[in-house]
Amino acid sequence: MPTHAEKRYLPYRPEQMFDLVAGVDKYPQFLPWCKAARITKRDGDVFFADLVIAFKVFKESFSSKVALEPKKAVHVEYINGPFRYLNNHWGFEKADDGGTVVNFYVDFEFKSRILQNLIGLLFNEAVRRMVGAFETRAKAIYEPVSDRPAERLEVTSAAT
């Protein structure tokens, strides 16, 4: 059951980071391994999304419920697909200089032992690339609000 928690400072406004993470339908434009994303239903601050993830010979799709706390947090609840479970949360706190402290958490387990063993070997690199993709995308589309460079503040990661 791989888990990863990370706190990272980014020199972009919390509203911008929230919009980036909440924009699930745009993930295929920048997120590694995300080949397709579709919003299937919206109901206020909740929406349902289907994503297709591909890595080498593996291609899986899954559905999730995404609950938004506007400009503060994004909570992802797994519905169906290749996982036994998936918990994913993003939090956005305004830093003193106007930037954002991003809190990211993911915990999941695949139903398939083969996929679980594969991700166990690649988990740390996969999460690093995924979180990095959001930072790279923010850099490409937003102007920084601070001269302070992006930095990791805390990381806890375990692939079991």
Protein backbone atom coordinates (compact mmCIF):
# COMPACT_ATOMS: atom_id res chain seq x y z
CA MET A 1 0.00 0.00 0.00
CA PRO A 2 2.06 2.91 -1.25
CA THR A 3 1.50 6.19 0.54
CA HIS A 4 3.00 9.57 -0.09
CA ALA A 5 2.55 12.85 1.76
CA GLU A 6 4.29 16.00 0.68
CA LYS A 7 4.27 19.64 1.68
CA ARG A 8 5.70 21.96 -0.93
CA TYR A 9 5.99 25.72 -1.31
CA LEU A 10 5.17 27.12 -4.76
CA PRO A 11 5.35 30.82 -5.74
CA TYR A 12 1.82 30.89 -7.18
CA ARG A 13 -1.46 32.00 -5.61
CA PRO A 14 -3.54 29.34 -3.81
CA GLU A 15 -6.45 30.04 -6.20
CA GLN A 16 -4.22 29.24 -9.15
CA MET A 17 -2.98 25.97 -7.67
CA PHE A 18 -6.52 25.00 -6.73
CA ASP A 19 -7.73 25.67 -10.29
CA LEU A 20 -4.84 23.65 -11.72
CA VAL A 21 -5.56 20.59 -9.56
CA ALA A 22 -9.34 20.89 -9.92
CA GLY A 23 -8.99 21.05 -13.74
CA VAL A 24 -9.02 17.26 -14.09
CA ASP A 25 -10.16 17.41 -17.71
CA LYS A 26 -6.85 19.10 -18.62
CA TYR A 27 -4.62 16.44 -17.00
CA PRO A 28 -3.75 14.68 -20.29
CA GLN A 29 -2.06 17.91 -21.43
CA PHE A 30 0.64 17.70 -18.76
CA LEU A 31 0.34 14.75 -16.38
CA PRO A 32 2.62 11.78 -17.11
CA TRP A 33 0.77 8.57 -17.93
CA CYS A 34 -2.65 10.29 -18.05
CA LYS A 35 -3.93 9.53 -21.55
CA ALA A 36 -7.53 10.69 -21.17
CA ALA A 37 -9.77 12.46 -18.65
CA ARG A 38 -13.48 13.12 -18.87
CA ILE A 39 -15.89 14.80 -16.47
CA THR A 40 -19.04 12.66 -16.48
CA LYS A 41 -21.26 14.62 -14.09
CA ARG A 42 -21.20 17.88 -12.11
CA ASP A 43 -23.23 18.76 -9.04
CA GLY A 44 -22.12 22.02 -7.40
CA ASP A 45 -18.70 21.53 -5.83
CA VAL A 46 -18.67 17.82 -6.64
CA PHE A 47 -17.94 16.16 -9.96
CA PHE A 48 -17.31 12.67 -11.26
CA ALA A 49 -14.41 11.90 -13.57
CA ASP A 50 -13.08 9.00 -15.61
CA LEU A 51 -9.33 8.83 -16.21
CA VAL A 52 -7.25 6.54 -18.41
CA ILE A 53 -3.73 5.87 -17.17
CA ALA A 54 -1.17 4.08 -19.37
CA PHE A 55 2.34 2.91 -18.57
CA LYS A 56 4.26 0.69 -20.98
CA VAL A 57 1.97 -2.29 -21.70
CA PHE A 58 -0.50 -1.44 -18.93
CA LYS A 59 -3.57 0.66 -19.61
CA GLU A 60 -6.24 1.12 -16.94
CA SER A 61 -9.22 3.38 -16.47
CA PHE A 62 -10.86 4.39 -13.24
CA SER A 63 -13.68 6.56 -11.98
CA SER A 64 -13.60 8.92 -9.04
CA LYS A 65 -15.69 11.45 -7.20
CA VAL A 66 -13.97 14.80 -6.73
CA ALA A 67 -15.15 17.10 -3.94
CA LEU A 68 -13.96 20.70 -4.04
CA GLU A 69 -13.52 23.09 -1.16
CA PRO A 70 -13.21 26.15 -3.39
CA LYS A 71 -9.73 27.65 -3.33
CA LYS A 72 -8.79 25.46 -0.29
CA ALA A 73 -8.77 21.74 -1.08
CA VAL A 74 -9.51 18.95 -3.54
CA HIS A 75 -10.56 15.51 -2.24
CA VAL A 76 -10.64 12.49 -4.54
CA GLU A 77 -12.76 9.47 -3.66
CA TYR A 78 -12.30 6.28 -5.66
CA ILE A 79 -15.40 4.73 -7.27
CA ASN A 80 -14.25 1.89 -9.53
CA GLY A 81 -11.37 0.60 -11.61
CA PRO A 82 -8.11 -1.27 -10.94
CA PHE A 83 -7.69 -0.23 -7.29
CA ARG A 84 -8.81 -1.82 -4.06
CA TYR A 85 -8.88 1.75 -2.78
CA LEU A 86 -7.50 5.20 -3.55
CA ASN A 87 -7.35 8.21 -1.23
CA ASN A 88 -6.02 11.47 -2.62
CA HIS A 89 -6.16 14.93 -1.06
CA TRP A 90 -4.71 18.31 -1.99
CA GLY A 91 -4.70 21.31 0.35
CA PHE A 92 -3.71 24.89 -0.48
CA GLU A 93 -2.61 27.37 2.19
CA LYS A 94 -1.61 30.96 1.47
CA ALA A 95 2.00 31.66 2.40
CA ASP A 96 3.06 35.01 3.88
CA ASP A 97 4.49 36.15 0.53
CA GLY A 98 1.30 35.31 -1.42
CA GLY A 99 2.57 31.96 -2.68
CA THR A 100 1.10 28.61 -1.71
CA VAL A 101 1.97 25.80 0.65
CA VAL A 102 0.59 22.74 -1.11
CA ASN A 103 -0.24 19.67 0.98
CA PHE A 104 -0.50 16.52 -1.14
CA TYR A 105 -1.46 13.04 0.04
CA VAL A 106 -2.06 9.82 -1.87
CA ASP A 107 -2.64 6.28 -0.59
CA PHE A 108 -3.74 3.40 -2.80
CA GLU A 109 -3.60 -0.30 -3.50
CA PHE A 110 -4.14 -2.08 -6.81
CA LYS A 111 -6.39 -5.14 -7.02
CA SER A 112 -3.79 -6.82 -9.26
CA ARG A 113 -0.73 -8.14 -7.46
CA ILE A 114 1.28 -7.64 -10.67
CA LEU A 115 0.40 -3.94 -10.85
CA GLN A 116 0.93 -3.53 -7.11
CA ASN A 117 4.43 -5.08 -7.35
CA LEU A 118 5.27 -2.95 -10.38
CA ILE A 119 4.21 0.30 -8.72
CA GLY A 120 6.06 -0.71 -5.56
CA LEU A 121 9.27 -0.62 -7.59
CA LEU A 122 8.44 2.66 -9.33
CA PHE A 123 6.31 4.42 -6.74
CA ASN A 124 8.72 7.09 -5.48
CA GLU A 125 9.74 8.08 -9.00
CA ALA A 126 6.13 8.05 -10.25
CA VAL A 127 4.90 10.33 -7.45
CA ARG A 128 7.89 12.64 -7.83
CA ARG A 129 7.15 13.00 -11.55
CA MET A 130 3.43 13.50 -10.96
CA VAL A 131 3.85 16.24 -8.33
CA GLY A 132 6.61 17.77 -10.46
CA ALA A 133 4.25 17.87 -13.45
CA PHE A 134 1.85 20.11 -11.53
CA GLU A 135 4.72 22.42 -10.57
CA THR A 136 5.98 22.52 -14.17
CA ARG A 137 2.48 23.25 -15.46
CA ALA A 138 2.02 26.08 -12.94
CA LYS A 139 5.35 27.56 -14.06
CA ALA A 140 4.20 27.40 -17.70
CA ILE A 141 0.81 29.08 -17.25
CA TYR A 142 1.14 31.39 -14.20
CA GLU A 143 3.34 34.32 -13.23
CA PRO A 144 5.02 33.84 -9.84
CA VAL A 145 3.82 36.12 -7.05
CA SER A 146 7.13 35.83 -5.20
CA ASP A 147 10.85 35.58 -5.91
CA ARG A 148 11.09 32.72 -3.42
CA PRO A 149 11.91 29.50 -5.31
CA ALA A 150 9.71 26.43 -5.15
CA GLU A 151 10.84 23.98 -2.48
CA ARG A 152 9.91 20.77 -0.77
CA LEU A 153 9.12 21.38 2.87
CA GLU A 154 8.29 17.82 4.02
CA VAL A 155 8.08 14.41 2.34
CA THR A 156 6.92 11.08 3.70
CA SER A 157 6.79 8.23 1.23
CA ALA A 158 6.46 4.48 1.63
CA ALA A 159 5.97 1.79 -0.98
CA THR A 160 5.01 -1.49 0.64
